[in-house]
Amino acid sequence: MNSLDRRRVNVQGDTVTIDGEPFRFEPLGDGRVRITGPGGTRVAWATLEGRRVFVTLEGRDYVFDTAGGGARRASAHEAASGEVTMPMPGLVISVAVSEGQSVKRGDPLLVVEAMKMEHTLRAPRDGVVRRLSAAHGQRADAGKILLEVESSSS
C-alpha cells in the first residue's frame, strides 16, 4: 500500500501554497484536477472532505489539511450512504479491506485502474465494511457499488 503523506497547506482561491511553493488547481470534472506548479503540470484525482483534501498523484496518496477551511464535501452521497462506487469503467487491482473490518474516514479501501491510471478509493466515513462485492482482477462499470461502509453508530 502507498505511504500517506500529511502536509499543512495554505489555500487562497485556486492557488495552494505547499512548503512555500505555489500550485494552481483547476477542476477537470469526474474527480480529476489539473495541478500546475514549479515542476510543471500534472493531472491528479482529488476528493474534498471538510478541511481535508485527499489527492492521488502518480501512484502516491496525499492528505492535505487546509488552514483556510471553506472546502465543501465533494462526496456527500457516499458519506451519507456509505457506498463506494467505481468512478469510471476499469479494473479492481487491489482490495485492502474485508467484510466486517472497521475503517476510519479516509482509509484506503481499494485501488482501481481506469484510463491507465491508478485511483485509491477511500472510506467515506467511519464504520464497518459491509457488502464487499469487489475482488482483485474484477472489471467494473462506472457507478457499480464496490462496497458499503456501514456507520459505527448503526
N, C-alpha and C. Protein backbone atom coordinates (compact mmCIF):
# COMPACT_ATOMS: atom_id res chain seq x y z
N MET A 1 0.85 -1.18 0.00
CA MET A 1 0.00 0.00 0.00
C MET A 1 0.89 1.23 0.00
N ASN A 2 0.43 2.26 -0.67
CA ASN A 2 1.19 3.50 -0.76
C ASN A 2 1.29 4.18 0.59
N SER A 3 2.39 4.91 0.79
CA SER A 3 2.53 5.67 2.03
C SER A 3 1.60 6.87 1.99
N LEU A 4 1.25 7.40 3.14
CA LEU A 4 0.34 8.52 3.24
C LEU A 4 1.12 9.70 3.80
N ASP A 5 1.21 10.79 3.02
CA ASP A 5 1.93 11.99 3.45
C ASP A 5 0.93 13.00 3.96
N ARG A 6 1.27 13.67 5.07
CA ARG A 6 0.44 14.74 5.61
C ARG A 6 1.24 16.02 5.57
N ARG A 7 0.62 17.08 5.01
CA ARG A 7 1.27 18.38 4.92
C ARG A 7 0.27 19.46 5.24
N ARG A 8 0.75 20.54 5.81
CA ARG A 8 -0.07 21.71 6.08
C ARG A 8 0.02 22.62 4.86
N VAL A 9 -1.11 23.11 4.38
CA VAL A 9 -1.13 23.95 3.19
C VAL A 9 -1.92 25.22 3.45
N ASN A 10 -1.68 26.23 2.63
CA ASN A 10 -2.43 27.47 2.70
C ASN A 10 -3.23 27.59 1.41
N VAL A 11 -4.55 27.75 1.51
CA VAL A 11 -5.42 27.82 0.35
C VAL A 11 -5.96 29.23 0.20
N GLN A 12 -5.78 29.81 -0.99
CA GLN A 12 -6.35 31.12 -1.32
C GLN A 12 -6.89 31.04 -2.73
N GLY A 13 -8.21 30.95 -2.87
CA GLY A 13 -8.82 30.81 -4.19
C GLY A 13 -8.43 29.49 -4.82
N ASP A 14 -7.91 29.54 -6.06
CA ASP A 14 -7.50 28.31 -6.74
C ASP A 14 -6.00 28.08 -6.64
N THR A 15 -5.33 28.84 -5.73
CA THR A 15 -3.89 28.67 -5.53
C THR A 15 -3.63 28.09 -4.14
N VAL A 16 -2.77 27.08 -4.11
CA VAL A 16 -2.41 26.42 -2.86
C VAL A 16 -0.90 26.55 -2.69
N THR A 17 -0.45 26.97 -1.52
CA THR A 17 0.97 27.06 -1.24
C THR A 17 1.36 25.87 -0.38
N ILE A 18 2.30 25.05 -0.88
CA ILE A 18 2.78 23.87 -0.18
C ILE A 18 4.28 24.04 0.02
N ASP A 19 4.72 24.04 1.26
CA ASP A 19 6.14 24.24 1.55
C ASP A 19 6.69 25.47 0.84
N GLY A 20 5.91 26.56 0.81
CA GLY A 20 6.36 27.81 0.21
C GLY A 20 6.28 27.87 -1.30
N GLU A 21 5.86 26.80 -1.95
CA GLU A 21 5.77 26.76 -3.42
C GLU A 21 4.30 26.88 -3.84
N PRO A 22 3.99 27.79 -4.78
CA PRO A 22 2.59 27.94 -5.22
C PRO A 22 2.18 26.89 -6.25
N PHE A 23 0.98 26.36 -6.10
CA PHE A 23 0.40 25.41 -7.04
C PHE A 23 -1.00 25.90 -7.38
N ARG A 24 -1.36 25.83 -8.65
CA ARG A 24 -2.71 26.21 -9.09
C ARG A 24 -3.50 24.94 -9.38
N PHE A 25 -4.71 24.87 -8.85
CA PHE A 25 -5.58 23.71 -9.03
C PHE A 25 -6.74 24.10 -9.93
N GLU A 26 -6.98 23.30 -10.96
CA GLU A 26 -8.09 23.55 -11.88
C GLU A 26 -8.92 22.27 -12.00
N PRO A 27 -10.17 22.29 -11.50
CA PRO A 27 -11.03 21.10 -11.60
C PRO A 27 -11.30 20.74 -13.06
N LEU A 28 -11.19 19.45 -13.38
CA LEU A 28 -11.45 18.96 -14.74
C LEU A 28 -12.73 18.15 -14.82
N GLY A 29 -13.35 17.87 -13.70
CA GLY A 29 -14.55 17.04 -13.67
C GLY A 29 -14.22 15.60 -13.34
N ASP A 30 -15.22 14.82 -12.95
CA ASP A 30 -15.07 13.40 -12.62
C ASP A 30 -14.02 13.17 -11.55
N GLY A 31 -13.79 14.15 -10.65
CA GLY A 31 -12.84 13.98 -9.57
C GLY A 31 -11.40 14.26 -9.95
N ARG A 32 -11.16 14.65 -11.20
CA ARG A 32 -9.80 14.95 -11.64
C ARG A 32 -9.51 16.44 -11.46
N VAL A 33 -8.24 16.75 -11.23
CA VAL A 33 -7.81 18.14 -11.09
C VAL A 33 -6.46 18.30 -11.78
N ARG A 34 -6.30 19.43 -12.50
CA ARG A 34 -5.01 19.74 -13.12
C ARG A 34 -4.24 20.58 -12.11
N ILE A 35 -3.00 20.15 -11.80
CA ILE A 35 -2.15 20.85 -10.84
C ILE A 35 -0.97 21.44 -11.60
N THR A 36 -0.82 22.77 -11.52
CA THR A 36 0.30 23.44 -12.16
C THR A 36 1.16 24.06 -11.08
N GLY A 37 2.46 23.74 -11.10
CA GLY A 37 3.37 24.25 -10.09
C GLY A 37 4.78 24.31 -10.63
N PRO A 38 5.75 24.49 -9.72
CA PRO A 38 7.15 24.62 -10.14
C PRO A 38 7.66 23.45 -10.97
N GLY A 39 7.13 22.24 -10.77
CA GLY A 39 7.59 21.06 -11.51
C GLY A 39 6.85 20.81 -12.80
N GLY A 40 5.94 21.70 -13.18
CA GLY A 40 5.17 21.52 -14.40
C GLY A 40 3.71 21.27 -14.10
N THR A 41 3.01 20.66 -15.05
CA THR A 41 1.57 20.40 -14.94
C THR A 41 1.32 18.90 -14.91
N ARG A 42 0.45 18.49 -13.98
CA ARG A 42 0.09 17.08 -13.86
C ARG A 42 -1.41 16.99 -13.60
N VAL A 43 -1.98 15.83 -13.87
CA VAL A 43 -3.39 15.58 -13.57
C VAL A 43 -3.44 14.59 -12.42
N ALA A 44 -4.27 14.88 -11.42
CA ALA A 44 -4.40 14.03 -10.24
C ALA A 44 -5.88 13.80 -9.97
N TRP A 45 -6.15 12.91 -9.02
CA TRP A 45 -7.51 12.67 -8.53
C TRP A 45 -7.60 13.30 -7.16
N ALA A 46 -8.67 14.04 -6.89
CA ALA A 46 -8.81 14.72 -5.61
C ALA A 46 -10.23 14.58 -5.08
N THR A 47 -10.33 14.43 -3.76
CA THR A 47 -11.61 14.39 -3.06
C THR A 47 -11.53 15.37 -1.91
N LEU A 48 -12.48 16.30 -1.84
CA LEU A 48 -12.54 17.27 -0.75
C LEU A 48 -13.47 16.74 0.33
N GLU A 49 -13.02 16.81 1.57
CA GLU A 49 -13.87 16.42 2.70
C GLU A 49 -13.61 17.39 3.83
N GLY A 50 -14.53 18.35 3.99
CA GLY A 50 -14.35 19.35 5.03
C GLY A 50 -13.08 20.13 4.80
N ARG A 51 -12.15 20.10 5.76
CA ARG A 51 -10.89 20.83 5.63
C ARG A 51 -9.76 19.95 5.11
N ARG A 52 -10.08 18.71 4.71
CA ARG A 52 -9.05 17.81 4.20
C ARG A 52 -9.24 17.59 2.70
N VAL A 53 -8.13 17.48 1.98
CA VAL A 53 -8.14 17.17 0.56
C VAL A 53 -7.32 15.89 0.38
N PHE A 54 -7.94 14.85 -0.17
CA PHE A 54 -7.25 13.60 -0.48
C PHE A 54 -6.86 13.67 -1.95
N VAL A 55 -5.56 13.50 -2.24
CA VAL A 55 -5.05 13.59 -3.62
C VAL A 55 -4.27 12.32 -3.94
N THR A 56 -4.56 11.72 -5.10
CA THR A 56 -3.77 10.61 -5.61
C THR A 56 -3.05 11.12 -6.85
N LEU A 57 -1.72 11.13 -6.79
CA LEU A 57 -0.90 11.65 -7.87
C LEU A 57 0.28 10.72 -8.11
N GLU A 58 0.38 10.24 -9.33
CA GLU A 58 1.50 9.38 -9.73
C GLU A 58 1.71 8.20 -8.77
N GLY A 59 0.60 7.56 -8.38
CA GLY A 59 0.68 6.37 -7.55
C GLY A 59 0.90 6.62 -6.07
N ARG A 60 0.91 7.87 -5.64
CA ARG A 60 1.08 8.19 -4.22
C ARG A 60 -0.16 8.89 -3.71
N ASP A 61 -0.48 8.66 -2.46
CA ASP A 61 -1.64 9.27 -1.81
C ASP A 61 -1.19 10.36 -0.87
N TYR A 62 -1.89 11.49 -0.90
CA TYR A 62 -1.58 12.62 -0.03
C TYR A 62 -2.85 13.08 0.66
N VAL A 63 -2.71 13.54 1.91
CA VAL A 63 -3.81 14.18 2.62
C VAL A 63 -3.33 15.57 2.99
N PHE A 64 -4.04 16.59 2.51
CA PHE A 64 -3.71 17.96 2.84
C PHE A 64 -4.73 18.48 3.84
N ASP A 65 -4.26 18.95 5.00
CA ASP A 65 -5.13 19.59 5.99
C ASP A 65 -5.04 21.08 5.73
N THR A 66 -6.10 21.66 5.18
CA THR A 66 -6.06 23.06 4.80
C THR A 66 -6.29 23.96 6.00
N ALA A 67 -5.57 25.07 6.04
CA ALA A 67 -5.70 26.04 7.13
C ALA A 67 -6.93 26.90 6.95
N GLY A 68 -7.33 27.14 5.69
CA GLY A 68 -8.40 28.09 5.42
C GLY A 68 -9.79 27.53 5.58
N GLY A 69 -9.97 26.23 5.53
CA GLY A 69 -11.31 25.66 5.61
C GLY A 69 -12.12 26.06 4.39
N GLY A 70 -13.41 26.07 4.53
CA GLY A 70 -14.28 26.50 3.45
C GLY A 70 -14.44 25.48 2.34
N ALA A 71 -13.76 24.36 2.39
CA ALA A 71 -13.91 23.35 1.35
C ALA A 71 -15.25 22.67 1.52
N ARG A 72 -15.88 22.31 0.42
CA ARG A 72 -17.17 21.64 0.52
C ARG A 72 -16.97 20.13 0.43
N ARG A 73 -17.95 19.39 0.90
CA ARG A 73 -17.87 17.93 0.83
C ARG A 73 -18.20 17.50 -0.59
N ALA A 74 -17.21 16.93 -1.28
CA ALA A 74 -17.38 16.55 -2.69
C ALA A 74 -18.17 15.26 -2.83
N SER A 75 -18.14 14.40 -1.83
CA SER A 75 -18.80 13.10 -1.94
C SER A 75 -19.88 12.96 -0.86
N ALA A 76 -20.81 13.91 -0.84
CA ALA A 76 -21.86 13.90 0.18
C ALA A 76 -22.70 12.63 0.09
N HIS A 77 -23.00 12.17 -1.15
CA HIS A 77 -23.80 10.95 -1.30
C HIS A 77 -23.07 9.75 -0.72
N GLU A 78 -21.77 9.62 -1.03
CA GLU A 78 -21.00 8.50 -0.49
C GLU A 78 -20.96 8.55 1.02
N ALA A 79 -20.73 9.74 1.59
CA ALA A 79 -20.65 9.86 3.04
C ALA A 79 -21.99 9.50 3.68
N ALA A 80 -23.10 9.93 3.07
CA ALA A 80 -24.42 9.66 3.63
C ALA A 80 -24.81 8.19 3.48
N SER A 81 -24.54 7.60 2.31
CA SER A 81 -24.97 6.23 2.06
C SER A 81 -23.93 5.20 2.49
N GLY A 82 -22.66 5.62 2.50
CA GLY A 82 -21.58 4.68 2.80
C GLY A 82 -21.15 3.86 1.60
N GLU A 83 -21.80 4.07 0.44
CA GLU A 83 -21.47 3.32 -0.76
C GLU A 83 -20.19 3.85 -1.38
N VAL A 84 -19.33 2.93 -1.82
CA VAL A 84 -18.12 3.27 -2.56
C VAL A 84 -18.32 2.69 -3.95
N THR A 85 -18.33 3.58 -4.95
CA THR A 85 -18.64 3.16 -6.31
C THR A 85 -17.45 3.32 -7.24
N MET A 86 -17.48 2.60 -8.33
CA MET A 86 -16.46 2.69 -9.36
C MET A 86 -16.61 4.04 -10.04
N PRO A 87 -15.54 4.87 -10.06
CA PRO A 87 -15.66 6.21 -10.63
C PRO A 87 -15.83 6.23 -12.15
N MET A 88 -15.31 5.23 -12.84
CA MET A 88 -15.41 5.09 -14.29
C MET A 88 -15.10 3.64 -14.63
N PRO A 89 -15.39 3.19 -15.84
CA PRO A 89 -15.11 1.78 -16.16
C PRO A 89 -13.64 1.46 -15.92
N GLY A 90 -13.37 0.30 -15.34
CA GLY A 90 -11.98 -0.07 -15.08
C GLY A 90 -11.84 -1.41 -14.42
N LEU A 91 -10.70 -1.59 -13.74
CA LEU A 91 -10.31 -2.86 -13.17
C LEU A 91 -9.94 -2.67 -11.70
N VAL A 92 -10.41 -3.55 -10.84
CA VAL A 92 -10.01 -3.56 -9.43
C VAL A 92 -8.64 -4.23 -9.36
N ILE A 93 -7.62 -3.49 -8.90
CA ILE A 93 -6.28 -4.10 -8.86
C ILE A 93 -5.84 -4.49 -7.46
N SER A 94 -6.50 -3.95 -6.42
CA SER A 94 -6.25 -4.46 -5.07
C SER A 94 -7.38 -4.10 -4.14
N VAL A 95 -7.61 -4.96 -3.17
CA VAL A 95 -8.64 -4.76 -2.14
C VAL A 95 -7.91 -4.80 -0.81
N ALA A 96 -7.97 -3.69 -0.06
CA ALA A 96 -7.20 -3.57 1.18
C ALA A 96 -8.01 -3.91 2.43
N VAL A 97 -9.30 -4.24 2.26
CA VAL A 97 -10.16 -4.49 3.41
C VAL A 97 -10.96 -5.77 3.19
N SER A 98 -11.62 -6.22 4.25
CA SER A 98 -12.51 -7.37 4.14
C SER A 98 -13.81 -7.05 4.86
N GLU A 99 -14.86 -7.82 4.56
CA GLU A 99 -16.15 -7.61 5.22
C GLU A 99 -15.98 -7.72 6.72
N GLY A 100 -16.63 -6.82 7.44
CA GLY A 100 -16.58 -6.83 8.89
C GLY A 100 -15.44 -6.02 9.47
N GLN A 101 -14.54 -5.54 8.62
CA GLN A 101 -13.39 -4.76 9.10
C GLN A 101 -13.80 -3.33 9.42
N SER A 102 -13.32 -2.80 10.54
CA SER A 102 -13.55 -1.41 10.92
C SER A 102 -12.61 -0.51 10.14
N VAL A 103 -13.14 0.64 9.68
CA VAL A 103 -12.34 1.62 8.95
C VAL A 103 -12.64 3.02 9.46
N LYS A 104 -11.73 3.93 9.23
CA LYS A 104 -11.90 5.35 9.54
C LYS A 104 -12.05 6.11 8.23
N ARG A 105 -12.80 7.21 8.26
CA ARG A 105 -12.97 8.04 7.07
C ARG A 105 -11.59 8.39 6.50
N GLY A 106 -11.43 8.17 5.18
CA GLY A 106 -10.18 8.46 4.51
C GLY A 106 -9.25 7.28 4.37
N ASP A 107 -9.54 6.18 5.09
CA ASP A 107 -8.69 4.98 4.95
C ASP A 107 -8.77 4.45 3.52
N PRO A 108 -7.64 3.99 2.95
CA PRO A 108 -7.69 3.36 1.62
C PRO A 108 -8.44 2.04 1.69
N LEU A 109 -9.37 1.83 0.74
CA LEU A 109 -10.16 0.60 0.70
C LEU A 109 -9.79 -0.26 -0.50
N LEU A 110 -9.71 0.37 -1.66
CA LEU A 110 -9.48 -0.33 -2.92
C LEU A 110 -8.58 0.52 -3.80
N VAL A 111 -7.86 -0.14 -4.68
CA VAL A 111 -7.14 0.57 -5.74
C VAL A 111 -7.71 0.04 -7.05
N VAL A 112 -8.14 0.98 -7.90
CA VAL A 112 -8.69 0.61 -9.19
C VAL A 112 -7.85 1.26 -10.28
N GLU A 113 -7.89 0.64 -11.45
CA GLU A 113 -7.20 1.21 -12.61
C GLU A 113 -8.26 1.60 -13.62
N ALA A 114 -8.21 2.87 -14.03
CA ALA A 114 -9.14 3.37 -15.04
C ALA A 114 -8.41 4.42 -15.85
N MET A 115 -8.59 4.40 -17.14
CA MET A 115 -7.93 5.33 -18.05
C MET A 115 -6.41 5.32 -17.86
N LYS A 116 -5.87 4.12 -17.64
CA LYS A 116 -4.43 3.89 -17.50
C LYS A 116 -3.84 4.60 -16.28
N MET A 117 -4.66 4.89 -15.27
CA MET A 117 -4.19 5.50 -14.03
C MET A 117 -4.73 4.70 -12.86
N GLU A 118 -3.95 4.66 -11.77
CA GLU A 118 -4.41 4.02 -10.54
C GLU A 118 -5.11 5.05 -9.67
N HIS A 119 -6.22 4.64 -9.07
CA HIS A 119 -7.01 5.52 -8.21
C HIS A 119 -7.29 4.79 -6.90
N THR A 120 -6.99 5.43 -5.79
CA THR A 120 -7.27 4.86 -4.48
C THR A 120 -8.65 5.32 -4.05
N LEU A 121 -9.54 4.38 -3.77
CA LEU A 121 -10.88 4.70 -3.27
C LEU A 121 -10.83 4.59 -1.76
N ARG A 122 -11.36 5.59 -1.07
CA ARG A 122 -11.22 5.72 0.38
C ARG A 122 -12.56 5.61 1.10
N ALA A 123 -12.48 5.31 2.38
CA ALA A 123 -13.68 5.19 3.21
C ALA A 123 -14.36 6.56 3.31
N PRO A 124 -15.66 6.63 2.98
CA PRO A 124 -16.37 7.90 3.03
C PRO A 124 -16.74 8.33 4.45
N ARG A 125 -16.62 7.40 5.40
CA ARG A 125 -16.95 7.70 6.79
C ARG A 125 -16.38 6.61 7.69
N ASP A 126 -16.39 6.84 9.01
CA ASP A 126 -16.01 5.82 9.98
C ASP A 126 -17.08 4.74 9.96
N GLY A 127 -16.67 3.50 10.10
CA GLY A 127 -17.67 2.44 10.16
C GLY A 127 -17.07 1.06 9.96
N VAL A 128 -17.93 0.16 9.49
CA VAL A 128 -17.56 -1.24 9.27
C VAL A 128 -17.88 -1.59 7.82
N VAL A 129 -16.96 -2.30 7.15
CA VAL A 129 -17.15 -2.69 5.76
C VAL A 129 -18.26 -3.74 5.68
N ARG A 130 -19.27 -3.45 4.85
CA ARG A 130 -20.39 -4.36 4.63
C ARG A 130 -20.56 -4.56 3.13
N ARG A 131 -21.10 -5.68 2.74
CA ARG A 131 -21.43 -5.97 1.34
C ARG A 131 -20.27 -5.68 0.39
N LEU A 132 -19.15 -6.28 0.63
CA LEU A 132 -17.98 -6.15 -0.25
C LEU A 132 -18.22 -6.98 -1.50
N SER A 133 -18.32 -6.31 -2.64
CA SER A 133 -18.56 -7.04 -3.89
C SER A 133 -17.41 -6.89 -4.87
N ALA A 134 -16.32 -6.28 -4.45
CA ALA A 134 -15.15 -6.09 -5.31
C ALA A 134 -14.13 -7.19 -5.03
N ALA A 135 -13.44 -7.60 -6.09
CA ALA A 135 -12.39 -8.61 -5.97
C ALA A 135 -11.24 -8.25 -6.91
N HIS A 136 -10.05 -8.63 -6.52
CA HIS A 136 -8.87 -8.39 -7.34
C HIS A 136 -9.09 -8.94 -8.75
N GLY A 137 -8.79 -8.12 -9.76
CA GLY A 137 -8.92 -8.55 -11.14
C GLY A 137 -10.30 -8.38 -11.74
N GLN A 138 -11.26 -7.94 -10.95
CA GLN A 138 -12.63 -7.77 -11.42
C GLN A 138 -12.76 -6.51 -12.27
N ARG A 139 -13.44 -6.61 -13.40
CA ARG A 139 -13.78 -5.44 -14.21
C ARG A 139 -15.10 -4.88 -13.69
N ALA A 140 -15.22 -3.55 -13.71
CA ALA A 140 -16.44 -2.93 -13.19
C ALA A 140 -16.81 -1.71 -14.03
N ASP A 141 -18.10 -1.52 -14.22
CA ASP A 141 -18.61 -0.35 -14.94
C ASP A 141 -18.69 0.84 -14.00
N ALA A 142 -18.71 2.03 -14.57
CA ALA A 142 -18.86 3.26 -13.78
C ALA A 142 -20.14 3.19 -12.97
N GLY A 143 -20.06 3.57 -11.72
CA GLY A 143 -21.23 3.59 -10.85
C GLY A 143 -21.51 2.30 -10.11
N LYS A 144 -20.83 1.21 -10.45
CA LYS A 144 -21.05 -0.06 -9.75
C LYS A 144 -20.64 0.09 -8.29
N ILE A 145 -21.50 -0.35 -7.39
CA ILE A 145 -21.19 -0.31 -5.96
C ILE A 145 -20.19 -1.42 -5.67
N LEU A 146 -19.00 -1.02 -5.17
CA LEU A 146 -17.94 -1.99 -4.88
C LEU A 146 -18.00 -2.48 -3.44
N LEU A 147 -18.42 -1.59 -2.54
CA LEU A 147 -18.60 -1.97 -1.14
C LEU A 147 -19.38 -0.89 -0.44
N GLU A 148 -19.80 -1.19 0.77
CA GLU A 148 -20.53 -0.21 1.59
C GLU A 148 -19.88 -0.16 2.96
N VAL A 149 -19.75 1.05 3.49
CA VAL A 149 -19.26 1.24 4.84
C VAL A 149 -20.45 1.63 5.69
N GLU A 150 -20.83 0.72 6.59
CA GLU A 150 -21.96 0.95 7.49
C GLU A 150 -21.47 1.77 8.69
N SER A 151 -22.20 2.79 9.03
CA SER A 151 -21.83 3.66 10.14
C SER A 151 -21.67 2.85 11.43
N SER A 152 -20.67 3.20 12.23
CA SER A 152 -20.43 2.52 13.50
C SER A 152 -21.60 2.66 14.45
N SER A 153 -22.36 3.75 14.29
CA SER A 153 -23.48 4.02 15.20
C SER A 153 -24.76 3.36 14.76
N SER A 154 -24.76 2.65 13.58
CA SER A 154 -25.98 1.98 13.09
C SER A 154 -26.29 0.74 13.89
